[in-house]
Amino acid sequence: MDRAVRRRMSEGRWEAHGATQVESDTLLACGEALARSFLIGQEGFKEIAGKPSPILWLPDVFGYSGCLPQLMAESGVQSFFTNKLRWNGITAFPHSSFIWAGGRWQ
């Protein structure tokens, strides 16, 4: 990782978040593949930031699996962030913020 990024993180001016290895589409991948992405991703965040990411960041995917809340809970993720829900100019999603409860994540 770039030294400038690490320096900014130590200054509290840069936050590393994401929780998964890659920004994957969550509808196509099976639950095991998503679980592995969380495991590998959280290990990477431990190396980068010294702790796992409490936020799953998926800015541009084409769907969200119903198993995401449970996978997030099992990997220590408390929050989910996306801006994709507000991009549709024809069929507007009615909320910009909400609590997504599923599995054991509530």
PDB file of N, CA and C in Angstrom:
ATOM      1  N   MET A   1       0.836  -1.170   0.000  1.00  0.00           N
ATOM      2  CA  MET A   1       0.000   0.000   0.000  1.00  0.00           C
ATOM      3  C   MET A   1       0.884   1.237   0.000  1.00  0.00           C
ATOM      4  N   ASP A   2       0.427   2.237  -0.648  1.00  0.00           N
ATOM      5  CA  ASP A   2       1.138   3.497  -0.761  1.00  0.00           C
ATOM      6  C   ASP A   2       1.390   4.108   0.621  1.00  0.00           C
ATOM      7  N   ARG A   3       2.612   4.612   0.825  1.00  0.00           N
ATOM      8  CA  ARG A   3       2.958   5.219   2.112  1.00  0.00           C
ATOM      9  C   ARG A   3       2.104   6.435   2.438  1.00  0.00           C
ATOM     10  N   ALA A   4       1.744   7.197   1.405  1.00  0.00           N
ATOM     11  CA  ALA A   4       0.913   8.387   1.630  1.00  0.00           C
ATOM     12  C   ALA A   4      -0.463   7.994   2.173  1.00  0.00           C
ATOM     13  N   VAL A   5      -1.011   6.896   1.674  1.00  0.00           N
ATOM     14  CA  VAL A   5      -2.314   6.430   2.156  1.00  0.00           C
ATOM     15  C   VAL A   5      -2.189   5.986   3.607  1.00  0.00           C
ATOM     16  N   ARG A   6      -1.154   5.209   3.912  1.00  0.00           N
ATOM     17  CA  ARG A   6      -0.950   4.766   5.302  1.00  0.00           C
ATOM     18  C   ARG A   6      -0.766   5.963   6.235  1.00  0.00           C
ATOM     19  N   ARG A   7      -0.045   6.973   5.784  1.00  0.00           N
ATOM     20  CA  ARG A   7       0.160   8.169   6.604  1.00  0.00           C
ATOM     21  C   ARG A   7      -1.179   8.865   6.867  1.00  0.00           C
ATOM     22  N   ARG A   8      -1.983   9.028   5.831  1.00  0.00           N
ATOM     23  CA  ARG A   8      -3.297   9.659   5.999  1.00  0.00           C
ATOM     24  C   ARG A   8      -4.181   8.842   6.945  1.00  0.00           C
ATOM     25  N   MET A   9      -4.107   7.523   6.865  1.00  0.00           N
ATOM     26  CA  MET A   9      -4.886   6.674   7.770  1.00  0.00           C
ATOM     27  C   MET A   9      -4.433   6.885   9.209  1.00  0.00           C
ATOM     28  N   SER A  10      -3.130   6.956   9.434  1.00  0.00           N
ATOM     29  CA  SER A  10      -2.628   7.162  10.798  1.00  0.00           C
ATOM     30  C   SER A  10      -3.004   8.539  11.330  1.00  0.00           C
ATOM     31  N   GLU A  11      -3.203   9.505  10.439  1.00  0.00           N
ATOM     32  CA  GLU A  11      -3.632  10.852  10.829  1.00  0.00           C
ATOM     33  C   GLU A  11      -5.152  10.933  11.034  1.00  0.00           C
ATOM     34  N   GLY A  12      -5.858   9.867  10.681  1.00  0.00           N
ATOM     35  CA  GLY A  12      -7.311   9.888  10.786  1.00  0.00           C
ATOM     36  C   GLY A  12      -7.983  10.618   9.643  1.00  0.00           C
ATOM     37  N   ARG A  13      -7.258  10.806   8.532  1.00  0.00           N
ATOM     38  CA  ARG A  13      -7.794  11.553   7.389  1.00  0.00           C
ATOM     39  C   ARG A  13      -8.236  10.645   6.246  1.00  0.00           C
ATOM     40  N   TRP A  14      -8.058   9.341   6.395  1.00  0.00           N
ATOM     41  CA  TRP A  14      -8.446   8.378   5.369  1.00  0.00           C
ATOM     42  C   TRP A  14      -8.984   7.148   6.086  1.00  0.00           C
ATOM     43  N   GLU A  15     -10.149   6.684   5.690  1.00  0.00           N
ATOM     44  CA  GLU A  15     -10.739   5.494   6.292  1.00  0.00           C
ATOM     45  C   GLU A  15     -10.784   4.379   5.267  1.00  0.00           C
ATOM     46  N   ALA A  16     -10.367   3.201   5.676  1.00  0.00           N
ATOM     47  CA  ALA A  16     -10.431   2.033   4.805  1.00  0.00           C
ATOM     48  C   ALA A  16     -11.668   1.230   5.175  1.00  0.00           C
ATOM     49  N   HIS A  17     -12.608   1.138   4.238  1.00  0.00           N
ATOM     50  CA  HIS A  17     -13.836   0.383   4.469  1.00  0.00           C
ATOM     51  C   HIS A  17     -14.188  -0.418   3.231  1.00  0.00           C
ATOM     52  N   GLY A  18     -14.991  -1.428   3.413  1.00  0.00           N
ATOM     53  CA  GLY A  18     -15.422  -2.240   2.287  1.00  0.00           C
ATOM     54  C   GLY A  18     -15.876  -3.621   2.697  1.00  0.00           C
ATOM     55  N   ALA A  19     -15.075  -4.303   3.499  1.00  0.00           N
ATOM     56  CA  ALA A  19     -15.371  -5.602   4.106  1.00  0.00           C
ATOM     57  C   ALA A  19     -15.187  -6.811   3.198  1.00  0.00           C
ATOM     58  N   THR A  20     -15.258  -6.675   1.885  1.00  0.00           N
ATOM     59  CA  THR A  20     -15.089  -7.827   1.002  1.00  0.00           C
ATOM     60  C   THR A  20     -13.812  -7.685   0.185  1.00  0.00           C
ATOM     61  N   GLN A  21     -13.383  -8.806  -0.382  1.00  0.00           N
ATOM     62  CA  GLN A  21     -12.163  -8.815  -1.175  1.00  0.00           C
ATOM     63  C   GLN A  21     -12.308  -7.952  -2.420  1.00  0.00           C
ATOM     64  N   VAL A  22     -13.445  -8.061  -3.067  1.00  0.00           N
ATOM     65  CA  VAL A  22     -13.720  -7.279  -4.275  1.00  0.00           C
ATOM     66  C   VAL A  22     -15.155  -6.761  -4.189  1.00  0.00           C
ATOM     67  N   GLU A  23     -15.459  -5.771  -5.006  1.00  0.00           N
ATOM     68  CA  GLU A  23     -16.846  -5.291  -5.106  1.00  0.00           C
ATOM     69  C   GLU A  23     -17.576  -6.229  -6.050  1.00  0.00           C
ATOM     70  N   SER A  24     -18.165  -7.258  -5.467  1.00  0.00           N
ATOM     71  CA  SER A  24     -18.779  -8.282  -6.307  1.00  0.00           C
ATOM     72  C   SER A  24     -20.271  -8.042  -6.461  1.00  0.00           C
ATOM     73  N   ASP A  25     -20.805  -8.519  -7.568  1.00  0.00           N
ATOM     74  CA  ASP A  25     -22.244  -8.540  -7.714  1.00  0.00           C
ATOM     75  C   ASP A  25     -22.739  -9.616  -6.772  1.00  0.00           C
ATOM     76  N   THR A  26     -23.704  -9.324  -5.953  1.00  0.00           N
ATOM     77  CA  THR A  26     -24.099 -10.298  -4.942  1.00  0.00           C
ATOM     78  C   THR A  26     -25.219 -11.221  -5.392  1.00  0.00           C
ATOM     79  N   LEU A  27     -25.806 -10.982  -6.548  1.00  0.00           N
ATOM     80  CA  LEU A  27     -26.855 -11.870  -7.038  1.00  0.00           C
ATOM     81  C   LEU A  27     -26.298 -13.072  -7.787  1.00  0.00           C
ATOM     82  N   LEU A  28     -25.191 -12.898  -8.492  1.00  0.00           N
ATOM     83  CA  LEU A  28     -24.633 -13.985  -9.293  1.00  0.00           C
ATOM     84  C   LEU A  28     -23.794 -14.958  -8.476  1.00  0.00           C
ATOM     85  N   ALA A  29     -23.074 -14.443  -7.525  1.00  0.00           N
ATOM     86  CA  ALA A  29     -22.193 -15.294  -6.724  1.00  0.00           C
ATOM     87  C   ALA A  29     -23.010 -16.124  -5.733  1.00  0.00           C
ATOM     88  N   CYS A  30     -22.554 -17.349  -5.473  1.00  0.00           N
ATOM     89  CA  CYS A  30     -23.238 -18.187  -4.482  1.00  0.00           C
ATOM     90  C   CYS A  30     -22.852 -17.710  -3.081  1.00  0.00           C
ATOM     91  N   GLY A  31     -23.596 -18.151  -2.079  1.00  0.00           N
ATOM     92  CA  GLY A  31     -23.345 -17.746  -0.703  1.00  0.00           C
ATOM     93  C   GLY A  31     -21.945 -18.073  -0.232  1.00  0.00           C
ATOM     94  N   GLU A  32     -21.419 -19.235  -0.644  1.00  0.00           N
ATOM     95  CA  GLU A  32     -20.058 -19.601  -0.213  1.00  0.00           C
ATOM     96  C   GLU A  32     -19.026 -18.650  -0.801  1.00  0.00           C
ATOM     97  N   ALA A  33     -19.184 -18.278  -2.063  1.00  0.00           N
ATOM     98  CA  ALA A  33     -18.245 -17.340  -2.681  1.00  0.00           C
ATOM     99  C   ALA A  33     -18.294 -15.986  -1.973  1.00  0.00           C
ATOM    100  N   LEU A  34     -19.488 -15.535  -1.622  1.00  0.00           N
ATOM    101  CA  LEU A  34     -19.615 -14.276  -0.894  1.00  0.00           C
ATOM    102  C   LEU A  34     -18.986 -14.388   0.494  1.00  0.00           C
ATOM    103  N   ALA A  35     -19.210 -15.515   1.172  1.00  0.00           N
ATOM    104  CA  ALA A  35     -18.615 -15.715   2.495  1.00  0.00           C
ATOM    105  C   ALA A  35     -17.094 -15.687   2.416  1.00  0.00           C
ATOM    106  N   ARG A  36     -16.535 -16.316   1.404  1.00  0.00           N
ATOM    107  CA  ARG A  36     -15.070 -16.298   1.237  1.00  0.00           C
ATOM    108  C   ARG A  36     -14.566 -14.886   0.951  1.00  0.00           C
ATOM    109  N   SER A  37     -15.338 -14.127   0.166  1.00  0.00           N
ATOM    110  CA  SER A  37     -14.948 -12.753  -0.124  1.00  0.00           C
ATOM    111  C   SER A  37     -14.918 -11.916   1.154  1.00  0.00           C
ATOM    112  N   PHE A  38     -15.892 -12.142   2.043  1.00  0.00           N
ATOM    113  CA  PHE A  38     -15.881 -11.454   3.334  1.00  0.00           C
ATOM    114  C   PHE A  38     -14.676 -11.879   4.164  1.00  0.00           C
ATOM    115  N   LEU A  39     -14.396 -13.197   4.229  1.00  0.00           N
ATOM    116  CA  LEU A  39     -13.262 -13.680   5.028  1.00  0.00           C
ATOM    117  C   LEU A  39     -11.945 -13.093   4.538  1.00  0.00           C
ATOM    118  N   ILE A  40     -11.712 -13.171   3.236  1.00  0.00           N
ATOM    119  CA  ILE A  40     -10.458 -12.654   2.669  1.00  0.00           C
ATOM    120  C   ILE A  40     -10.404 -11.137   2.789  1.00  0.00           C
ATOM    121  N   GLY A  41     -11.529 -10.486   2.513  1.00  0.00           N
ATOM    122  CA  GLY A  41     -11.574  -9.026   2.599  1.00  0.00           C
ATOM    123  C   GLY A  41     -11.322  -8.514   4.004  1.00  0.00           C
ATOM    124  N   GLN A  42     -11.940  -9.138   4.982  1.00  0.00           N
ATOM    125  CA  GLN A  42     -11.755  -8.677   6.362  1.00  0.00           C
ATOM    126  C   GLN A  42     -10.328  -8.923   6.848  1.00  0.00           C
ATOM    127  N   GLU A  43      -9.706  -9.997   6.392  1.00  0.00           N
ATOM    128  CA  GLU A  43      -8.286 -10.208   6.716  1.00  0.00           C
ATOM    129  C   GLU A  43      -7.440  -9.086   6.113  1.00  0.00           C
ATOM    130  N   GLY A  44      -7.760  -8.700   4.896  1.00  0.00           N
ATOM    131  CA  GLY A  44      -7.045  -7.589   4.250  1.00  0.00           C
ATOM    132  C   GLY A  44      -7.230  -6.278   4.994  1.00  0.00           C
ATOM    133  N   PHE A  45      -8.448  -6.019   5.464  1.00  0.00           N
ATOM    134  CA  PHE A  45      -8.678  -4.788   6.219  1.00  0.00           C
ATOM    135  C   PHE A  45      -7.956  -4.814   7.557  1.00  0.00           C
ATOM    136  N   LYS A  46      -7.816  -5.996   8.160  1.00  0.00           N
ATOM    137  CA  LYS A  46      -7.035  -6.106   9.395  1.00  0.00           C
ATOM    138  C   LYS A  46      -5.580  -5.735   9.133  1.00  0.00           C
ATOM    139  N   GLU A  47      -5.047  -6.160   7.989  1.00  0.00           N
ATOM    140  CA  GLU A  47      -3.667  -5.814   7.629  1.00  0.00           C
ATOM    141  C   GLU A  47      -3.524  -4.324   7.342  1.00  0.00           C
ATOM    142  N   ILE A  48      -4.484  -3.765   6.630  1.00  0.00           N
ATOM    143  CA  ILE A  48      -4.413  -2.360   6.227  1.00  0.00           C
ATOM    144  C   ILE A  48      -4.682  -1.411   7.390  1.00  0.00           C
ATOM    145  N   ALA A  49      -5.772  -1.655   8.105  1.00  0.00           N
ATOM    146  CA  ALA A  49      -6.230  -0.704   9.116  1.00  0.00           C
ATOM    147  C   ALA A  49      -6.063  -1.195  10.554  1.00  0.00           C
ATOM    148  N   GLY A  50      -5.639  -2.452  10.726  1.00  0.00           N
ATOM    149  CA  GLY A  50      -5.479  -2.981  12.061  1.00  0.00           C
ATOM    150  C   GLY A  50      -6.756  -3.543  12.651  1.00  0.00           C
ATOM    151  N   LYS A  51      -7.849  -3.482  11.900  1.00  0.00           N
ATOM    152  CA  LYS A  51      -9.135  -4.009  12.369  1.00  0.00           C
ATOM    153  C   LYS A  51     -10.016  -4.298  11.155  1.00  0.00           C
ATOM    154  N   PRO A  52     -10.993  -5.173  11.311  1.00  0.00           N
ATOM    155  CA  PRO A  52     -11.897  -5.439  10.187  1.00  0.00           C
ATOM    156  C   PRO A  52     -12.778  -4.221   9.904  1.00  0.00           C
ATOM    157  N   SER A  53     -13.281  -4.157   8.705  1.00  0.00           N
ATOM    158  CA  SER A  53     -14.157  -3.047   8.319  1.00  0.00           C
ATOM    159  C   SER A  53     -15.546  -3.253   8.914  1.00  0.00           C
ATOM    160  N   PRO A  54     -16.101  -2.235   9.605  1.00  0.00           N
ATOM    161  CA  PRO A  54     -17.461  -2.353  10.126  1.00  0.00           C
ATOM    162  C   PRO A  54     -18.522  -1.997   9.080  1.00  0.00           C
ATOM    163  N   ILE A  55     -18.068  -1.598   7.886  1.00  0.00           N
ATOM    164  CA  ILE A  55     -18.976  -1.134   6.837  1.00  0.00           C
ATOM    165  C   ILE A  55     -18.764  -1.933   5.559  1.00  0.00           C
ATOM    166  N   LEU A  56     -19.853  -2.452   4.998  1.00  0.00           N
ATOM    167  CA  LEU A  56     -19.802  -3.050   3.665  1.00  0.00           C
ATOM    168  C   LEU A  56     -20.112  -1.941   2.680  1.00  0.00           C
ATOM    169  N   TRP A  57     -19.213  -1.702   1.749  1.00  0.00           N
ATOM    170  CA  TRP A  57     -19.385  -0.649   0.763  1.00  0.00           C
ATOM    171  C   TRP A  57     -19.514  -1.291  -0.604  1.00  0.00           C
ATOM    172  N   LEU A  58     -20.688  -1.191  -1.205  1.00  0.00           N
ATOM    173  CA  LEU A  58     -20.950  -1.702  -2.553  1.00  0.00           C
ATOM    174  C   LEU A  58     -21.588  -0.576  -3.370  1.00  0.00           C
ATOM    175  N   PRO A  59     -20.786   0.281  -3.978  1.00  0.00           N
ATOM    176  CA  PRO A  59     -21.358   1.439  -4.660  1.00  0.00           C
ATOM    177  C   PRO A  59     -22.048   1.137  -5.986  1.00  0.00           C
ATOM    178  N   ASP A  60     -21.671   0.078  -6.681  1.00  0.00           N
ATOM    179  CA  ASP A  60     -22.204  -0.096  -8.029  1.00  0.00           C
ATOM    180  C   ASP A  60     -22.409  -1.564  -8.383  1.00  0.00           C
ATOM    181  N   VAL A  61     -23.404  -2.194  -7.792  1.00  0.00           N
ATOM    182  CA  VAL A  61     -23.737  -3.573  -8.128  1.00  0.00           C
ATOM    183  C   VAL A  61     -25.156  -3.621  -8.682  1.00  0.00           C
ATOM    184  N   PHE A  62     -25.521  -4.753  -9.234  1.00  0.00           N
ATOM    185  CA  PHE A  62     -26.810  -4.861  -9.905  1.00  0.00           C
ATOM    186  C   PHE A  62     -27.849  -5.645  -9.127  1.00  0.00           C
ATOM    187  N   GLY A  63     -27.611  -5.873  -7.879  1.00  0.00           N
ATOM    188  CA  GLY A  63     -28.579  -6.571  -7.056  1.00  0.00           C
ATOM    189  C   GLY A  63     -27.951  -6.980  -5.740  1.00  0.00           C
ATOM    190  N   TYR A  64     -28.801  -7.263  -4.788  1.00  0.00           N
ATOM    191  CA  TYR A  64     -28.343  -7.589  -3.448  1.00  0.00           C
ATOM    192  C   TYR A  64     -28.960  -8.908  -3.002  1.00  0.00           C
ATOM    193  N   SER A  65     -28.117  -9.848  -2.646  1.00  0.00           N
ATOM    194  CA  SER A  65     -28.568 -11.158  -2.193  1.00  0.00           C
ATOM    195  C   SER A  65     -29.249 -11.043  -0.841  1.00  0.00           C
ATOM    196  N   GLY A  66     -30.273 -11.852  -0.646  1.00  0.00           N
ATOM    197  CA  GLY A  66     -30.953 -11.886   0.645  1.00  0.00           C
ATOM    198  C   GLY A  66     -30.089 -12.414   1.771  1.00  0.00           C
ATOM    199  N   CYS A  67     -28.955 -13.064   1.436  1.00  0.00           N
ATOM    200  CA  CYS A  67     -28.086 -13.591   2.487  1.00  0.00           C
ATOM    201  C   CYS A  67     -27.067 -12.551   2.970  1.00  0.00           C
ATOM    202  N   LEU A  68     -27.033 -11.368   2.354  1.00  0.00           N
ATOM    203  CA  LEU A  68     -26.059 -10.353   2.766  1.00  0.00           C
ATOM    204  C   LEU A  68     -26.149  -9.974   4.241  1.00  0.00           C
ATOM    205  N   PRO A  69     -27.332  -9.699   4.805  1.00  0.00           N
ATOM    206  CA  PRO A  69     -27.349  -9.317   6.223  1.00  0.00           C
ATOM    207  C   PRO A  69     -26.713 -10.358   7.144  1.00  0.00           C
ATOM    208  N   GLN A  70     -26.956 -11.640   6.901  1.00  0.00           N
ATOM    209  CA  GLN A  70     -26.368 -12.666   7.761  1.00  0.00           C
ATOM    210  C   GLN A  70     -24.864 -12.765   7.534  1.00  0.00           C
ATOM    211  N   LEU A  71     -24.418 -12.715   6.290  1.00  0.00           N
ATOM    212  CA  LEU A  71     -22.979 -12.756   6.018  1.00  0.00           C
ATOM    213  C   LEU A  71     -22.277 -11.560   6.642  1.00  0.00           C
ATOM    214  N   MET A  72     -22.911 -10.408   6.563  1.00  0.00           N
ATOM    215  CA  MET A  72     -22.338  -9.210   7.175  1.00  0.00           C
ATOM    216  C   MET A  72     -22.211  -9.389   8.682  1.00  0.00           C
ATOM    217  N   ALA A  73     -23.272  -9.858   9.316  1.00  0.00           N
ATOM    218  CA  ALA A  73     -23.250 -10.044  10.769  1.00  0.00           C
ATOM    219  C   ALA A  73     -22.174 -11.034  11.182  1.00  0.00           C
ATOM    220  N   GLU A  74     -22.051 -12.118  10.439  1.00  0.00           N
ATOM    221  CA  GLU A  74     -21.069 -13.148  10.778  1.00  0.00           C
ATOM    222  C   GLU A  74     -19.628 -12.671  10.580  1.00  0.00           C
ATOM    223  N   SER A  75     -19.430 -11.646   9.757  1.00  0.00           N
ATOM    224  CA  SER A  75     -18.068 -11.151   9.524  1.00  0.00           C
ATOM    225  C   SER A  75     -17.792  -9.839  10.254  1.00  0.00           C
ATOM    226  N   GLY A  76     -18.686  -9.446  11.151  1.00  0.00           N
ATOM    227  CA  GLY A  76     -18.436  -8.261  11.970  1.00  0.00           C
ATOM    228  C   GLY A  76     -18.860  -6.941  11.343  1.00  0.00           C
ATOM    229  N   VAL A  77     -19.602  -6.997  10.262  1.00  0.00           N
ATOM    230  CA  VAL A  77     -20.042  -5.782   9.586  1.00  0.00           C
ATOM    231  C   VAL A  77     -21.352  -5.311  10.210  1.00  0.00           C
ATOM    232  N   GLN A  78     -21.397  -4.027  10.554  1.00  0.00           N
ATOM    233  CA  GLN A  78     -22.573  -3.460  11.217  1.00  0.00           C
ATOM    234  C   GLN A  78     -23.392  -2.558  10.300  1.00  0.00           C
ATOM    235  N   SER A  79     -22.787  -2.073   9.218  1.00  0.00           N
ATOM    236  CA  SER A  79     -23.470  -1.115   8.350  1.00  0.00           C
ATOM    237  C   SER A  79     -23.216  -1.437   6.886  1.00  0.00           C
ATOM    238  N   PHE A  80     -24.100  -0.960   6.047  1.00  0.00           N
ATOM    239  CA  PHE A  80     -24.023  -1.184   4.606  1.00  0.00           C
ATOM    240  C   PHE A  80     -24.215   0.152   3.908  1.00  0.00           C
ATOM    241  N   PHE A  81     -23.351   0.442   2.935  1.00  0.00           N
ATOM    242  CA  PHE A  81     -23.461   1.705   2.214  1.00  0.00           C
ATOM    243  C   PHE A  81     -23.471   1.456   0.712  1.00  0.00           C
ATOM    244  N   THR A  82     -24.410   2.065   0.040  1.00  0.00           N
ATOM    245  CA  THR A  82     -24.457   2.084  -1.413  1.00  0.00           C
ATOM    246  C   THR A  82     -25.140   3.368  -1.846  1.00  0.00           C
ATOM    247  N   ASN A  83     -24.843   3.800  -3.036  1.00  0.00           N
ATOM    248  CA  ASN A  83     -25.586   4.923  -3.600  1.00  0.00           C
ATOM    249  C   ASN A  83     -26.369   4.477  -4.826  1.00  0.00           C
ATOM    250  N   LYS A  84     -26.323   3.198  -5.121  1.00  0.00           N
ATOM    251  CA  LYS A  84     -26.967   2.643  -6.310  1.00  0.00           C
ATOM    252  C   LYS A  84     -28.495   2.725  -6.256  1.00  0.00           C
ATOM    253  N   LEU A  85     -29.071   2.667  -5.072  1.00  0.00           N
ATOM    254  CA  LEU A  85     -30.533   2.647  -4.949  1.00  0.00           C
ATOM    255  C   LEU A  85     -31.187   3.939  -5.427  1.00  0.00           C
ATOM    256  N   ARG A  86     -30.460   5.014  -5.456  1.00  0.00           N
ATOM    257  CA  ARG A  86     -31.031   6.307  -5.833  1.00  0.00           C
ATOM    258  C   ARG A  86     -30.739   6.700  -7.276  1.00  0.00           C
ATOM    259  N   TRP A  87     -30.154   5.811  -8.085  1.00  0.00           N
ATOM    260  CA  TRP A  87     -29.776   6.158  -9.456  1.00  0.00           C
ATOM    261  C   TRP A  87     -30.911   6.038 -10.458  1.00  0.00           C
ATOM    262  N   ASN A  88     -31.976   5.385 -10.114  1.00  0.00           N
ATOM    263  CA  ASN A  88     -33.028   5.123 -11.077  1.00  0.00           C
ATOM    264  C   ASN A  88     -33.936   6.342 -11.225  1.00  0.00           C
ATOM    265  N   GLY A  89     -33.985   6.921 -12.420  1.00  0.00           N
ATOM    266  CA  GLY A  89     -34.808   8.092 -12.667  1.00  0.00           C
ATOM    267  C   GLY A  89     -36.231   7.764 -13.044  1.00  0.00           C
ATOM    268  N   ILE A  90     -36.535   6.486 -13.304  1.00  0.00           N
ATOM    269  CA  ILE A  90     -37.870   6.088 -13.740  1.00  0.00           C
ATOM    270  C   ILE A  90     -38.671   5.487 -12.584  1.00  0.00           C
ATOM    271  N   THR A  91     -38.105   4.498 -11.925  1.00  0.00           N
ATOM    272  CA  THR A  91     -38.765   3.860 -10.795  1.00  0.00           C
ATOM    273  C   THR A  91     -37.964   4.190  -9.547  1.00  0.00           C
ATOM    274  N   ALA A  92     -38.351   5.232  -8.871  1.00  0.00           N
ATOM    275  CA  ALA A  92     -37.589   5.699  -7.712  1.00  0.00           C
ATOM    276  C   ALA A  92     -37.785   4.782  -6.515  1.00  0.00           C
ATOM    277  N   PHE A  93     -36.676   4.409  -5.884  1.00  0.00           N
ATOM    278  CA  PHE A  93     -36.747   3.654  -4.636  1.00  0.00           C
ATOM    279  C   PHE A  93     -37.246   4.616  -3.566  1.00  0.00           C
ATOM    280  N   PRO A  94     -38.196   4.209  -2.729  1.00  0.00           N
ATOM    281  CA  PRO A  94     -38.850   5.163  -1.844  1.00  0.00           C
ATOM    282  C   PRO A  94     -38.026   5.645  -0.647  1.00  0.00           C
ATOM    283  N   HIS A  95     -36.860   5.048  -0.391  1.00  0.00           N
ATOM    284  CA  HIS A  95     -36.091   5.425   0.801  1.00  0.00           C
ATOM    285  C   HIS A  95     -34.620   5.628   0.435  1.00  0.00           C
ATOM    286  N   SER A  96     -33.967   6.538   1.147  1.00  0.00           N
ATOM    287  CA  SER A  96     -32.521   6.678   0.987  1.00  0.00           C
ATOM    288  C   SER A  96     -31.789   6.073   2.174  1.00  0.00           C
ATOM    289  N   SER A  97     -32.478   5.911   3.288  1.00  0.00           N
ATOM    290  CA  SER A  97     -31.905   5.278   4.478  1.00  0.00           C
ATOM    291  C   SER A  97     -32.958   4.374   5.104  1.00  0.00           C
ATOM    292  N   PHE A  98     -32.529   3.209   5.542  1.00  0.00           N
ATOM    293  CA  PHE A  98     -33.453   2.285   6.187  1.00  0.00           C
ATOM    294  C   PHE A  98     -32.663   1.195   6.891  1.00  0.00           C
ATOM    295  N   ILE A  99     -33.321   0.448   7.742  1.00  0.00           N
ATOM    296  CA  ILE A  99     -32.715  -0.701   8.410  1.00  0.00           C
ATOM    297  C   ILE A  99     -33.133  -1.942   7.650  1.00  0.00           C
ATOM    298  N   TRP A 100     -32.136  -2.650   7.140  1.00  0.00           N
ATOM    299  CA  TRP A 100     -32.372  -3.885   6.396  1.00  0.00           C
ATOM    300  C   TRP A 100     -32.155  -5.032   7.368  1.00  0.00           C
ATOM    301  N   ALA A 101     -33.195  -5.689   7.794  1.00  0.00           N
ATOM    302  CA  ALA A 101     -33.097  -6.775   8.757  1.00  0.00           C
ATOM    303  C   ALA A 101     -33.336  -8.103   8.054  1.00  0.00           C
ATOM    304  N   GLY A 102     -32.447  -9.033   8.266  1.00  0.00           N
ATOM    305  CA  GLY A 102     -32.572 -10.366   7.712  1.00  0.00           C
ATOM    306  C   GLY A 102     -31.641 -11.288   8.457  1.00  0.00           C
ATOM    307  N   GLY A 103     -31.971 -12.533   8.527  1.00  0.00           N
ATOM    308  CA  GLY A 103     -31.120 -13.453   9.287  1.00  0.00           C
ATOM    309  C   GLY A 103     -31.039 -13.009  10.722  1.00  0.00           C
ATOM    310  N   ARG A 104     -29.829 -12.897  11.256  1.00  0.00           N
ATOM    311  CA  ARG A 104     -29.643 -12.485  12.639  1.00  0.00           C
ATOM    312  C   ARG A 104     -29.238 -11.025  12.754  1.00  0.00           C
ATOM    313  N   TRP A 105     -29.139 -10.300  11.653  1.00  0.00           N
ATOM    314  CA  TRP A 105     -28.677  -8.904  11.675  1.00  0.00           C
ATOM    315  C   TRP A 105     -29.875  -7.998  11.832  1.00  0.00           C
ATOM    316  N   GLN A 106     -30.030  -7.377  12.986  1.00  0.00           N
ATOM    317  CA  GLN A 106     -31.171  -6.497  13.227  1.00  0.00           C
ATOM    318  C   GLN A 106     -30.772  -5.318  14.074  1.00  0.00           C
TER     319      GLN A 106
END
